[in-house]
Protein backbone atom coordinates (compact mmCIF):
# COMPACT_ATOMS: atom_id res chain seq x y z
CA MET A 1 -8.99 24.62 -0.21
CA ALA A 2 -5.67 24.64 0.37
CA ALA A 3 -4.97 25.98 -3.16
CA GLY A 4 -7.41 28.40 -2.37
CA LEU A 5 -9.66 27.32 -5.06
CA THR A 6 -13.83 26.87 -5.32
CA GLN A 7 -14.80 23.44 -6.86
CA THR A 8 -15.33 24.88 -9.99
CA GLU A 9 -12.14 26.46 -10.10
CA MET A 10 -10.48 23.03 -9.38
CA ALA A 11 -12.12 21.08 -11.81
CA ALA A 12 -11.36 23.36 -14.60
CA GLY A 13 -13.63 22.55 -16.98
CA ALA A 14 -11.14 18.91 -17.10
CA ILE A 15 -13.90 17.18 -15.32
CA SER A 16 -17.11 18.00 -14.15
CA GLU A 17 -18.05 20.04 -10.77
CA SER A 18 -20.21 17.04 -9.94
CA PHE A 19 -17.34 14.48 -10.21
CA TYR A 20 -15.01 16.50 -8.20
CA SER A 21 -17.01 16.96 -5.46
CA LYS A 22 -17.71 12.86 -5.32
CA VAL A 23 -13.92 12.39 -5.72
CA GLU A 24 -13.55 15.23 -2.91
CA ARG A 25 -16.10 13.40 -0.61
CA GLY A 26 -14.92 9.64 -1.64
CA VAL A 27 -17.81 8.85 -3.36
CA HIS A 28 -15.74 8.27 -6.76
CA ASN A 29 -12.09 7.61 -7.48
CA ILE A 30 -10.12 9.59 -10.13
CA ASP A 31 -7.86 8.04 -12.42
CA ALA A 32 -4.33 9.24 -12.44
CA ASP A 33 -4.10 10.82 -15.84
CA THR A 34 -7.47 12.91 -14.74
CA LEU A 35 -5.85 14.17 -11.79
CA VAL A 36 -2.88 15.53 -13.46
CA GLU A 37 -5.15 16.74 -16.37
CA VAL A 38 -7.01 18.60 -12.89
CA LEU A 39 -3.26 19.69 -11.43
CA LYS A 40 -2.14 21.11 -14.60
CA ALA A 41 -5.40 23.11 -15.51
CA ASN A 42 -4.68 24.68 -12.17
CA HIS A 43 -0.87 25.39 -12.30
CA ILE A 44 -0.03 22.92 -9.99
CA ASN A 45 2.92 20.65 -10.37
CA PRO A 46 1.66 17.11 -10.17
CA VAL A 47 5.38 16.28 -9.16
CA GLN A 48 5.15 18.23 -6.28
CA PHE A 49 1.68 17.49 -5.50
CA PHE A 50 3.14 13.58 -5.57
CA SER A 51 5.97 14.45 -3.21
CA ARG A 52 3.85 16.13 -0.75
CA THR A 53 1.56 12.80 -0.57
CA LEU A 54 4.78 10.78 0.32
CA ASP A 55 5.78 13.24 2.90
CA GLY A 56 2.94 12.79 4.72
CA PRO A 57 1.72 9.30 5.82
CA MET A 58 4.66 7.73 4.64
CA GLN A 59 7.09 9.82 6.64
CA GLU A 60 7.60 7.12 9.30
CA SER A 61 7.83 4.71 6.64
CA PRO A 62 10.70 2.44 6.30
CA TYR A 63 10.09 2.28 2.68
CA LYS A 64 9.97 5.91 1.91
CA LYS A 65 13.83 6.22 1.62
CA SER A 66 13.72 3.13 -0.98
CA ILE A 67 10.40 4.34 -2.89
CA LEU A 68 12.15 8.09 -3.36
CA ASN A 69 15.60 6.80 -4.34
CA THR A 70 14.35 4.30 -7.21
CA GLY A 71 14.29 7.48 -9.87
CA PHE A 72 10.78 6.11 -11.02
CA MET A 73 9.18 8.58 -12.99
CA VAL A 74 5.89 8.01 -14.68
CA LYS A 75 5.54 9.37 -18.62
CA LYS A 76 2.52 9.55 -20.23
């Protein structure tokens, strides 16, 4: 919703609309590779996507700074 896209547009042919809908509802989980594929298909920067995730619930965590300063990068 924040991207202003429908489920069909977000699925972007990377996954089925049905599967995407189930992921949104918490019925199915999505693996990291597939999520990154969906993000890239929608021109959403995966790094920015995950940094927003870190800035959310972990905002008050004492571990946030150490996690962000590790320099950990995931490569496919």
